[in-house]
Amino acid sequence: MKQLKLAVIALFTLVTVSNVSAQDENNPWAIGFGVNIVDFYGGNNFSDQMKDWLGNKDWNFLPSISRITAEKYLDKGFSLQFAGSLNKITHELTEGDVDALYYSLGVNVKYDLNKLVGETGWFDPFVYLGGNYVSFNSNSEGMLNLGFGFNTWFNDSFGLSFQTGTNKGFSDEVRSHYQSSLGVVIKFGGKDSDGDGIYDKYDQCPEVAGLKEFNGCPDSDGDGIKDSDDACPQVAGLASMNGCPDTDGDGIADKDDMCPNEKGTKANKGCPDTDGDGLVDKDDKCPTVAGPVANGGCPWPDTDGDGVLDKDDKCPKEVGPASNGGCPEVISKDAEDSLGEFAKAILFNTGKSSFKPGVTEKLDAIVDVMNKYPNAKFTIEGHTDSTGSANVNARLSKSRAMAVRDYLVKKGVDTTRLEAQGFGEGQPIASNDTAEGREQNRRVVVKVTNK
């Protein structure tokens, strides 16, 4: 008996260090096998009865499986227990005062105290109340059964159970007594379709094995984001990317990144545009130099360096201003205007083709302009007013134009660049009815003919 008491103490110690769990709601059925101890007590006060129970001189114990239980969880911590016990009584009140078989059949309602104090997971204390039909020494009686106990679990279905209580009689057929039991208990009946250790009723993904921290749902890529919330469930990624990887760290998930290994911008779908010309590097023929998309991201060339891009340059290999389409100017607009102003100062003696004093200075200025633009060709026009006959005026205008031409040639202007024409009175620019108008009509005009 002393060994049994030591076993009970060892069991209690084991309970305090176990660290496994089970839930009655998950495994609603349980069966148990073990041994039981019967101790008849004398005296009427509780103190004497407890001393009698704690002492082992009156313990009755059958060293074999002598107690079987079946249990069904009901709800909210309550369960229904059916129990059958067998024992051999050799001590009723004193040692050796009897030698008889003892058996009992009972039904108890148990209540899990964890519902009051909070779940421990591995330790389930309980109280119970019920009735036993007890037969002993040819006597039998229905007895009130109440007590307490605890289960400790090694896994979700297997554990040890200890309970003790009193069987209180209401007649003298069977003396009131304590009955204690110690044994193994096995729970079953829980459904775990996917075998992930999480019961279906708590498993948000009951058909697919998953993890406890995700309520039974899987995290296939192991990135800490369950598959149902993971935009890339087969590839480990970042929470900020909804579970998708961002290899280049540009804030754009690889699945949406056209250049997953190079940092880029969202506007360019994750691709870089080093020169900022609006064309991503992979499509840019000149990725480090800004250029228009129309030229593949490269700057338009300016072969002749005249500031006019080849695409707009009508003479890409000859220097020329933009005003002339990039082609060399035969003569500038300013120079041409200067010729016009100088020509207005060419005055002749009346009825003659000889110059008035001071005219040659203007002619020399014209020579300078013409020499500056050696590719330009010119027409020198002579015009008169309507005084006199038309034939005379025609000859006079021609001779005056020739006089200007001859002077320019004399000063070094190539004769092939000059042509003299006389238009007489045929192209007036003012009225010939006034002296002022006639003065305007008597003129020399220098025109560029090959611009």
Protein backbone atom coordinates (compact mmCIF):
# COMPACT_ATOMS: atom_id res chain seq x y z
CA MET A 1 0.00 0.00 0.00
CA LYS A 2 2.86 2.35 0.72
CA GLN A 3 4.05 1.80 -2.84
CA LEU A 4 0.63 2.82 -4.16
CA LYS A 5 0.64 6.01 -2.12
CA LEU A 6 4.08 6.83 -3.52
CA ALA A 7 2.72 6.21 -7.01
CA VAL A 8 -0.09 8.69 -6.42
CA ILE A 9 2.39 11.32 -5.20
CA ALA A 10 4.62 10.67 -8.23
CA LEU A 11 1.62 11.08 -10.52
CA PHE A 12 0.80 14.47 -9.02
CA THR A 13 4.41 15.57 -9.53
CA LEU A 14 4.25 14.42 -13.15
CA VAL A 15 1.09 16.45 -13.67
CA THR A 16 2.80 19.65 -12.60
CA VAL A 17 5.58 19.33 -15.19
CA SER A 18 3.64 17.97 -18.18
CA ASN A 19 3.22 20.33 -21.13
CA VAL A 20 0.75 18.86 -23.60
CA SER A 21 -2.88 19.55 -24.36
CA ALA A 22 -6.26 18.25 -25.39
CA GLN A 23 -9.71 19.78 -25.82
CA ASP A 24 -12.87 17.85 -24.90
CA GLU A 25 -14.73 19.76 -27.62
CA ASN A 26 -12.38 18.28 -30.19
CA ASN A 27 -12.29 14.69 -28.96
CA PRO A 28 -15.77 14.16 -27.50
CA TRP A 29 -15.31 10.50 -26.58
CA ALA A 30 -12.96 8.96 -24.02
CA ILE A 31 -12.30 5.55 -22.51
CA GLY A 32 -10.21 4.79 -19.46
CA PHE A 33 -8.52 1.79 -17.84
CA GLY A 34 -6.96 1.61 -14.42
CA VAL A 35 -7.07 0.48 -10.83
CA ASN A 36 -9.31 1.53 -7.98
CA ILE A 37 -8.98 1.72 -4.21
CA VAL A 38 -11.90 1.29 -1.82
CA ASP A 39 -11.62 2.54 1.76
CA PHE A 40 -14.53 2.12 4.18
CA TYR A 41 -14.54 4.78 6.82
CA GLY A 42 -15.86 4.90 10.34
CA GLY A 43 -16.79 7.84 12.49
CA ASN A 44 -19.15 10.62 11.72
CA ASN A 45 -16.94 13.71 11.60
CA PHE A 46 -15.01 14.78 8.52
CA SER A 47 -11.67 14.96 10.32
CA ASP A 48 -11.82 11.31 11.38
CA GLN A 49 -12.90 10.28 7.90
CA MET A 50 -9.99 12.11 6.25
CA LYS A 51 -7.47 10.57 8.64
CA ASP A 52 -8.90 7.17 7.80
CA TRP A 53 -8.58 7.82 4.06
CA LEU A 54 -5.08 9.25 4.20
CA GLY A 55 -3.90 6.26 6.17
CA ASN A 56 -3.56 3.16 4.04
CA LYS A 57 -4.27 0.41 6.55
CA ASP A 58 -7.85 0.00 5.35
CA TRP A 59 -7.19 0.43 1.62
CA ASN A 60 -8.56 -2.34 -0.58
CA PHE A 61 -6.70 -2.77 -3.84
CA LEU A 62 -6.81 -5.36 -6.62
CA PRO A 63 -3.44 -5.34 -8.49
CA SER A 64 -4.88 -5.55 -12.01
CA ILE A 65 -7.12 -3.54 -14.30
CA SER A 66 -10.10 -3.10 -12.07
CA ARG A 67 -11.86 0.01 -13.38
CA ILE A 68 -13.18 0.86 -16.85
CA THR A 69 -14.78 4.15 -17.87
CA ALA A 70 -16.51 5.52 -20.96
CA GLU A 71 -17.13 9.23 -21.30
CA LYS A 72 -18.99 11.57 -23.66
CA TYR A 73 -18.41 15.31 -23.71
CA LEU A 74 -21.66 17.27 -23.65
CA ASP A 75 -21.17 21.04 -23.74
CA LYS A 76 -19.71 23.99 -21.83
CA GLY A 77 -17.38 21.83 -19.74
CA PHE A 78 -19.91 19.15 -18.83
CA SER A 79 -19.45 15.49 -19.70
CA LEU A 80 -21.21 12.22 -18.87
CA GLN A 81 -19.14 9.37 -17.43
CA PHE A 82 -20.07 5.69 -17.18
CA ALA A 83 -17.84 3.68 -14.82
CA GLY A 84 -17.51 0.08 -13.74
CA SER A 85 -15.23 -1.08 -10.92
CA LEU A 86 -14.19 -4.41 -9.45
CA ASN A 87 -12.31 -4.94 -6.20
CA LYS A 88 -11.58 -7.47 -3.49
CA ILE A 89 -12.39 -6.27 0.00
CA THR A 90 -10.24 -7.60 2.83
CA HIS A 91 -10.49 -4.55 5.12
CA GLU A 92 -13.83 -3.07 5.97
CA LEU A 93 -13.05 -1.43 9.27
CA THR A 94 -10.17 -3.59 10.48
CA GLU A 95 -7.67 -5.76 8.70
CA GLY A 96 -8.94 -9.23 7.88
CA ASP A 97 -12.47 -8.64 9.03
CA VAL A 98 -13.94 -9.59 5.65
CA ASP A 99 -13.08 -11.33 2.37
CA ALA A 100 -15.55 -10.52 -0.37
CA LEU A 101 -15.87 -9.23 -3.92
CA TYR A 102 -16.92 -5.65 -4.56
CA TYR A 103 -18.24 -4.14 -7.75
CA SER A 104 -19.95 -0.96 -8.72
CA LEU A 105 -21.65 0.53 -11.77
CA GLY A 106 -22.13 4.27 -11.90
CA VAL A 107 -23.03 7.33 -13.91
CA ASN A 108 -21.41 10.69 -13.16
CA VAL A 109 -21.79 14.19 -14.50
CA LYS A 110 -18.36 15.81 -14.62
CA TYR A 111 -17.52 19.52 -14.86
CA ASP A 112 -14.18 20.80 -16.14
CA LEU A 113 -12.91 23.46 -13.72
CA ASN A 114 -10.79 24.99 -16.48
CA LYS A 115 -13.99 26.63 -17.65
CA LEU A 116 -13.85 28.69 -14.46
CA VAL A 117 -10.14 29.28 -13.99
CA GLY A 118 -9.02 29.35 -17.62
CA GLU A 119 -7.56 26.73 -19.93
CA THR A 120 -4.15 25.33 -18.99
CA GLY A 121 -4.04 23.03 -22.00
CA TRP A 122 -2.32 20.16 -20.21
CA PHE A 123 -4.02 19.98 -16.81
CA ASP A 124 -7.79 19.42 -16.49
CA PRO A 125 -9.13 19.46 -12.92
CA PHE A 126 -12.76 18.46 -12.50
CA VAL A 127 -15.52 17.74 -10.01
CA TYR A 128 -18.22 15.16 -10.43
CA LEU A 129 -21.60 14.15 -9.05
CA GLY A 130 -23.55 11.01 -9.76
CA GLY A 131 -24.84 7.72 -8.52
CA ASN A 132 -23.37 4.24 -8.10
CA TYR A 133 -24.97 0.88 -7.78
CA VAL A 134 -22.66 -0.96 -5.36
CA SER A 135 -22.66 -4.66 -4.52
CA PHE A 136 -20.56 -5.99 -1.64
CA ASN A 137 -20.71 -9.06 0.58
CA SER A 138 -24.11 -10.14 -0.76
CA ASN A 139 -25.52 -6.67 -0.14
CA SER A 140 -26.23 -3.97 -2.72
CA GLU A 141 -27.35 -0.39 -2.62
CA GLY A 142 -27.67 2.70 -4.75
CA MET A 143 -25.29 5.34 -3.46
CA LEU A 144 -24.63 9.05 -4.00
CA ASN A 145 -21.25 9.58 -5.63
CA LEU A 146 -19.37 12.90 -5.53
CA GLY A 147 -15.73 13.90 -5.68
CA PHE A 148 -12.97 15.55 -7.68
CA GLY A 149 -10.03 14.60 -9.89
CA PHE A 150 -7.80 15.68 -12.71
CA ASN A 151 -6.50 14.59 -16.09
CA THR A 152 -3.06 15.36 -17.40
CA TRP A 153 -2.40 15.03 -21.11
CA PHE A 154 0.70 13.86 -22.94
CA ASN A 155 -0.79 14.65 -26.35
CA ASP A 156 -4.17 15.47 -27.82
CA SER A 157 -5.59 12.04 -27.10
CA PHE A 158 -3.61 10.24 -24.38
CA GLY A 159 -3.18 11.03 -20.71
CA LEU A 160 -3.43 9.92 -17.10
CA SER A 161 -6.51 10.32 -14.93
CA PHE A 162 -6.91 10.42 -11.17
CA GLN A 163 -10.16 10.86 -9.29
CA THR A 164 -11.35 10.32 -5.74
CA GLY A 165 -14.67 10.72 -4.02
CA THR A 166 -17.16 9.33 -1.61
CA ASN A 167 -19.96 6.84 -2.13
CA LYS A 168 -22.60 7.88 0.38
CA GLY A 169 -25.22 5.28 1.32
CA PHE A 170 -28.69 5.90 2.65
CA SER A 171 -29.16 2.58 4.46
CA ASP A 172 -27.03 0.06 6.27
CA GLU A 173 -26.81 -2.36 3.35
CA VAL A 174 -23.41 -1.07 2.23
CA ARG A 175 -21.24 1.09 4.44
CA SER A 176 -20.29 4.53 3.03
CA HIS A 177 -16.77 4.55 1.67
CA TYR A 178 -14.16 6.38 -0.36
CA GLN A 179 -13.31 5.19 -3.85
CA SER A 180 -10.27 6.43 -5.75
CA SER A 181 -8.95 5.48 -9.16
CA LEU A 182 -5.79 5.90 -11.18
CA GLY A 183 -5.41 5.00 -14.84
CA VAL A 184 -4.90 5.96 -18.43
CA VAL A 185 -7.47 7.83 -20.49
CA ILE A 186 -7.75 7.92 -24.27
CA LYS A 187 -9.76 10.55 -26.11
CA PHE A 188 -11.03 10.10 -29.64
CA GLY A 189 -13.69 11.22 -32.07
CA GLY A 190 -12.12 14.47 -33.22
CA LYS A 191 -12.03 15.09 -36.99
CA ASP A 192 -8.87 16.39 -38.68
CA SER A 193 -9.41 15.83 -42.40
CA ASP A 194 -6.07 17.20 -43.57
CA GLY A 195 -4.00 15.67 -40.77
CA ASP A 196 -2.35 18.93 -39.75
CA GLY A 197 -3.13 18.55 -36.05
CA ILE A 198 -5.87 21.16 -36.13
CA TYR A 199 -9.40 19.91 -35.79
CA ASP A 200 -11.78 20.70 -38.61
CA LYS A 201 -14.07 22.79 -36.42
CA TYR A 202 -11.17 25.18 -35.79
CA ASP A 203 -9.46 24.70 -39.16
CA GLN A 204 -10.14 27.49 -41.65
CA CYS A 205 -8.64 25.28 -44.37
CA PRO A 206 -9.84 21.80 -43.33
CA GLU A 207 -8.98 20.13 -46.63
CA VAL A 208 -5.40 21.43 -46.86
CA ALA A 209 -2.70 20.84 -44.25
CA GLY A 210 -1.60 24.08 -42.66
CA LEU A 211 -0.12 25.78 -39.62
CA LYS A 212 -1.56 26.44 -36.20
CA GLU A 213 -0.67 30.14 -36.33
CA PHE A 214 -2.79 30.47 -39.48
CA ASN A 215 -5.72 28.49 -38.07
CA GLY A 216 -4.87 25.47 -40.18
CA CYS A 217 -4.24 27.30 -43.45
CA PRO A 218 -1.00 26.74 -45.38
CA ASP A 219 1.94 29.03 -45.99
CA SER A 220 3.48 27.17 -48.92
CA ASP A 221 6.49 29.46 -49.38
CA GLY A 222 7.19 29.90 -45.67
CA ASP A 223 7.26 33.70 -45.77
CA GLY A 224 4.92 34.16 -42.82
CA ILE A 225 1.93 35.08 -44.98
CA LYS A 226 -0.77 32.48 -45.40
CA ASP A 227 -1.52 31.43 -48.96
CA SER A 228 -5.00 32.97 -49.03
CA ASP A 229 -3.49 36.40 -48.32
CA ASP A 230 -0.36 35.81 -50.39
CA ALA A 231 -0.32 37.20 -53.92
CA CYS A 232 2.68 34.94 -54.64
CA PRO A 233 1.99 31.82 -52.54
CA GLN A 234 4.72 29.70 -54.15
CA VAL A 235 7.54 32.25 -53.81
CA ALA A 236 8.69 33.75 -50.51
CA GLY A 237 8.17 37.49 -50.39
CA LEU A 238 7.53 40.54 -48.25
CA ALA A 239 4.47 41.52 -46.26
CA SER A 240 4.64 44.98 -47.82
CA MET A 241 4.42 43.33 -51.25
CA ASN A 242 1.48 41.08 -50.24
CA GLY A 243 3.81 38.11 -50.04
CA CYS A 244 5.60 38.70 -53.34
CA PRO A 245 9.35 39.20 -53.71
CA ASP A 246 10.96 42.49 -54.73
CA THR A 247 14.40 41.36 -55.86
CA ASP A 248 15.75 44.79 -56.79
CA GLY A 249 14.17 46.58 -53.84
CA ASP A 250 12.49 49.27 -55.91
CA GLY A 251 9.12 48.91 -54.22
CA ILE A 252 7.58 47.09 -57.17
CA ALA A 253 6.81 43.39 -56.78
CA ASP A 254 8.69 41.15 -59.20
CA LYS A 255 5.43 39.91 -60.71
CA ASP A 256 4.65 43.48 -61.79
CA ASP A 257 8.26 44.47 -62.51
CA MET A 258 9.40 44.39 -66.15
CA CYS A 259 13.00 44.70 -64.89
CA PRO A 260 12.99 42.67 -61.62
CA ASN A 261 16.77 42.79 -61.22
CA GLU A 262 17.18 46.54 -61.80
CA LYS A 263 15.73 49.33 -59.71
CA GLY A 264 13.21 51.38 -61.59
CA THR A 265 10.10 53.48 -61.18
CA LYS A 266 6.46 52.58 -61.04
CA ALA A 267 5.78 54.79 -64.06
CA ASN A 268 8.24 52.66 -66.06
CA LYS A 269 6.89 49.36 -64.66
CA GLY A 270 9.98 48.87 -62.54
CA CYS A 271 12.56 49.59 -65.24
CA PRO A 272 15.26 52.27 -64.98
CA ASP A 273 15.53 55.32 -67.23
CA THR A 274 19.04 56.50 -66.40
CA ASP A 275 19.06 59.55 -68.65
CA GLY A 276 15.46 60.51 -67.88
CA ASP A 277 14.44 60.85 -71.51
CA GLY A 278 11.25 58.84 -71.12
CA LEU A 279 12.67 55.71 -72.72
CA VAL A 280 13.63 52.86 -70.36
CA ASP A 281 17.24 51.72 -70.53
CA LYS A 282 16.48 48.33 -72.05
CA ASP A 283 14.84 50.05 -75.03
CA ASP A 284 17.23 53.02 -75.13
CA LYS A 285 20.06 52.93 -77.67
CA CYS A 286 21.82 55.66 -75.66
CA PRO A 287 20.77 54.89 -72.04
CA THR A 288 23.15 57.39 -70.43
CA VAL A 289 22.49 60.31 -72.79
CA ALA A 290 19.04 61.83 -73.09
CA GLY A 291 17.51 61.69 -76.53
CA PRO A 292 14.09 61.66 -78.19
CA VAL A 293 12.06 58.47 -78.40
CA ALA A 294 11.82 58.98 -82.17
CA ASN A 295 15.59 58.49 -82.41
CA GLY A 296 15.72 55.46 -80.12
CA GLY A 297 16.66 57.53 -77.08
CA CYS A 298 19.77 59.02 -78.70
CA PRO A 299 20.33 62.72 -79.37
CA TRP A 300 19.82 63.82 -82.95
CA PRO A 301 23.23 64.42 -84.59
CA ASP A 302 24.43 67.74 -85.97
CA THR A 303 27.11 66.56 -88.37
CA ASP A 304 28.21 69.99 -89.57
CA GLY A 305 27.93 71.57 -86.12
CA ASP A 306 25.84 74.46 -87.34
CA GLY A 307 23.25 74.09 -84.59
CA VAL A 308 20.69 72.63 -86.94
CA LEU A 309 20.02 68.94 -86.22
CA ASP A 310 20.56 66.65 -89.17
CA LYS A 311 16.90 65.68 -89.16
CA ASP A 312 16.03 69.33 -89.82
CA ASP A 313 19.15 70.23 -91.82
CA LYS A 314 18.68 70.40 -95.57
CA CYS A 315 22.46 70.53 -95.88
CA PRO A 316 23.65 68.26 -92.99
CA LYS A 317 27.28 68.39 -94.11
CA GLU A 318 27.43 72.14 -94.76
CA VAL A 319 27.28 74.82 -92.13
CA GLY A 320 24.26 77.02 -92.46
CA PRO A 321 21.81 78.93 -90.26
CA ALA A 322 18.48 77.55 -89.17
CA SER A 323 16.79 80.38 -91.06
CA ASN A 324 18.12 78.85 -94.26
CA GLY A 325 17.25 75.25 -93.33
CA GLY A 326 20.81 74.52 -92.22
CA CYS A 327 22.23 75.27 -95.64
CA PRO A 328 24.92 77.89 -96.24
CA GLU A 329 23.48 81.32 -97.05
CA VAL A 330 24.38 82.83 -100.43
CA ILE A 331 23.95 86.14 -98.68
CA SER A 332 22.49 87.14 -95.38
CA LYS A 333 19.26 89.03 -95.06
CA ASP A 334 21.09 91.91 -93.40
CA ALA A 335 23.62 92.08 -96.21
CA GLU A 336 20.86 92.03 -98.78
CA ASP A 337 19.09 94.87 -96.99
CA SER A 338 22.36 96.81 -96.91
CA LEU A 339 22.69 96.49 -100.68
CA GLY A 340 19.22 97.95 -101.06
CA GLU A 341 20.05 100.93 -98.88
CA PHE A 342 23.36 101.56 -100.66
CA ALA A 343 21.66 101.37 -104.07
CA LYS A 344 19.23 104.13 -103.09
CA ALA A 345 22.19 106.49 -102.80
CA ILE A 346 23.37 105.88 -106.40
CA LEU A 347 22.47 109.12 -108.17
CA PHE A 348 23.24 110.18 -111.75
CA ASN A 349 23.64 113.45 -113.54
CA THR A 350 20.48 114.50 -115.35
CA GLY A 351 19.99 112.65 -118.65
CA LYS A 352 23.34 110.94 -118.27
CA SER A 353 24.84 107.71 -116.93
CA SER A 354 27.60 109.46 -115.02
CA PHE A 355 27.54 109.44 -111.23
CA LYS A 356 27.00 112.46 -109.09
CA PRO A 357 29.77 113.32 -106.65
CA GLY A 358 30.01 111.02 -103.57
CA VAL A 359 28.25 108.06 -105.20
CA THR A 360 31.42 106.00 -105.55
CA GLU A 361 31.66 105.67 -101.76
CA LYS A 362 28.35 103.83 -101.78
CA LEU A 363 29.49 101.75 -104.73
CA ASP A 364 32.61 100.75 -102.82
CA ALA A 365 30.41 99.65 -99.91
CA ILE A 366 28.46 97.49 -102.34
CA VAL A 367 31.73 95.95 -103.55
CA ASP A 368 32.62 95.01 -99.95
CA VAL A 369 29.29 93.24 -99.45
CA MET A 370 29.57 91.34 -102.71
CA ASN A 371 33.10 90.22 -101.96
CA LYS A 372 31.94 88.93 -98.56
CA TYR A 373 29.45 86.62 -100.27
CA PRO A 374 31.37 85.24 -103.26
CA ASN A 375 28.67 82.70 -104.15
CA ALA A 376 25.95 85.27 -104.58
CA LYS A 377 24.94 86.49 -108.02
CA PHE A 378 23.27 89.81 -108.64
CA THR A 379 21.10 91.70 -111.10
CA ILE A 380 21.56 95.47 -111.33
CA GLU A 381 18.35 97.13 -112.46
CA GLY A 382 18.07 100.66 -113.86
CA HIS A 383 14.72 102.55 -113.66
CA THR A 384 13.60 106.05 -114.79
CA ASP A 385 10.60 108.30 -114.40
CA SER A 386 8.24 109.02 -117.28
CA THR A 387 9.86 112.30 -118.38
CA GLY A 388 10.86 112.05 -122.02
CA SER A 389 10.20 109.26 -124.52
CA ALA A 390 9.98 105.65 -123.43
CA ASN A 391 12.77 104.59 -125.84
CA VAL A 392 15.13 107.20 -124.50
CA ASN A 393 14.27 106.21 -120.94
CA ALA A 394 14.86 102.52 -121.73
CA ARG A 395 18.30 103.22 -123.16
CA LEU A 396 19.15 105.57 -120.28
CA SER A 397 18.14 103.03 -117.61
CA LYS A 398 20.19 100.33 -119.31
CA SER A 399 23.29 102.55 -119.60
CA ARG A 400 23.03 103.53 -115.96
CA ALA A 401 22.78 99.86 -114.87
CA MET A 402 25.82 99.11 -117.03
CA ALA A 403 27.70 102.00 -115.43
CA VAL A 404 27.15 100.49 -111.99
CA ARG A 405 28.11 97.01 -113.24
CA ASP A 406 31.30 98.30 -114.85
CA TYR A 407 32.34 100.06 -111.67
CA LEU A 408 31.83 96.93 -109.57
CA VAL A 409 33.81 94.80 -112.04
CA LYS A 410 36.54 97.39 -112.02
CA LYS A 411 36.66 97.08 -108.23
CA GLY A 412 37.11 93.30 -108.40
CA VAL A 413 33.67 91.74 -108.53
CA ASP A 414 33.63 88.81 -110.97
CA THR A 415 31.74 89.80 -114.10
CA THR A 416 29.98 86.40 -114.19
CA ARG A 417 28.23 87.28 -110.98
CA LEU A 418 26.68 90.46 -112.37
CA GLU A 419 23.92 91.20 -114.85
CA ALA A 420 22.72 94.69 -115.84
CA GLN A 421 19.14 95.35 -116.96
CA GLY A 422 17.31 98.53 -117.90
CA PHE A 423 13.54 98.77 -117.37
CA GLY A 424 13.02 102.40 -118.33
CA GLU A 425 9.85 103.89 -116.98
CA GLY A 426 7.98 100.58 -117.00
CA GLN A 427 8.19 99.70 -113.27
CA PRO A 428 7.38 102.85 -111.28
CA ILE A 429 7.14 102.58 -107.50
CA ALA A 430 5.48 105.99 -107.09
CA SER A 431 3.38 108.43 -109.10
CA ASN A 432 5.12 110.26 -111.96
CA ASP A 433 2.72 113.21 -111.55
CA THR A 434 4.72 114.72 -108.72
CA ALA A 435 8.33 115.69 -108.42
CA GLU A 436 8.64 113.56 -105.32
CA GLY A 437 7.18 110.52 -107.07
CA ARG A 438 9.39 110.95 -110.11
CA GLU A 439 12.45 111.16 -107.85
CA GLN A 440 11.53 107.80 -106.28
CA ASN A 441 11.09 106.23 -109.70
CA ARG A 442 14.59 107.27 -110.81
CA ARG A 443 16.49 104.50 -109.05
CA VAL A 444 19.01 101.64 -109.20
CA VAL A 445 18.06 98.29 -107.60
CA VAL A 446 20.55 95.52 -106.71
CA LYS A 447 18.88 92.06 -106.43
CA VAL A 448 20.31 88.68 -105.46
CA THR A 449 19.37 86.22 -108.17
CA ASN A 450 20.53 82.87 -106.72
CA LYS A 451 19.49 82.92 -103.03
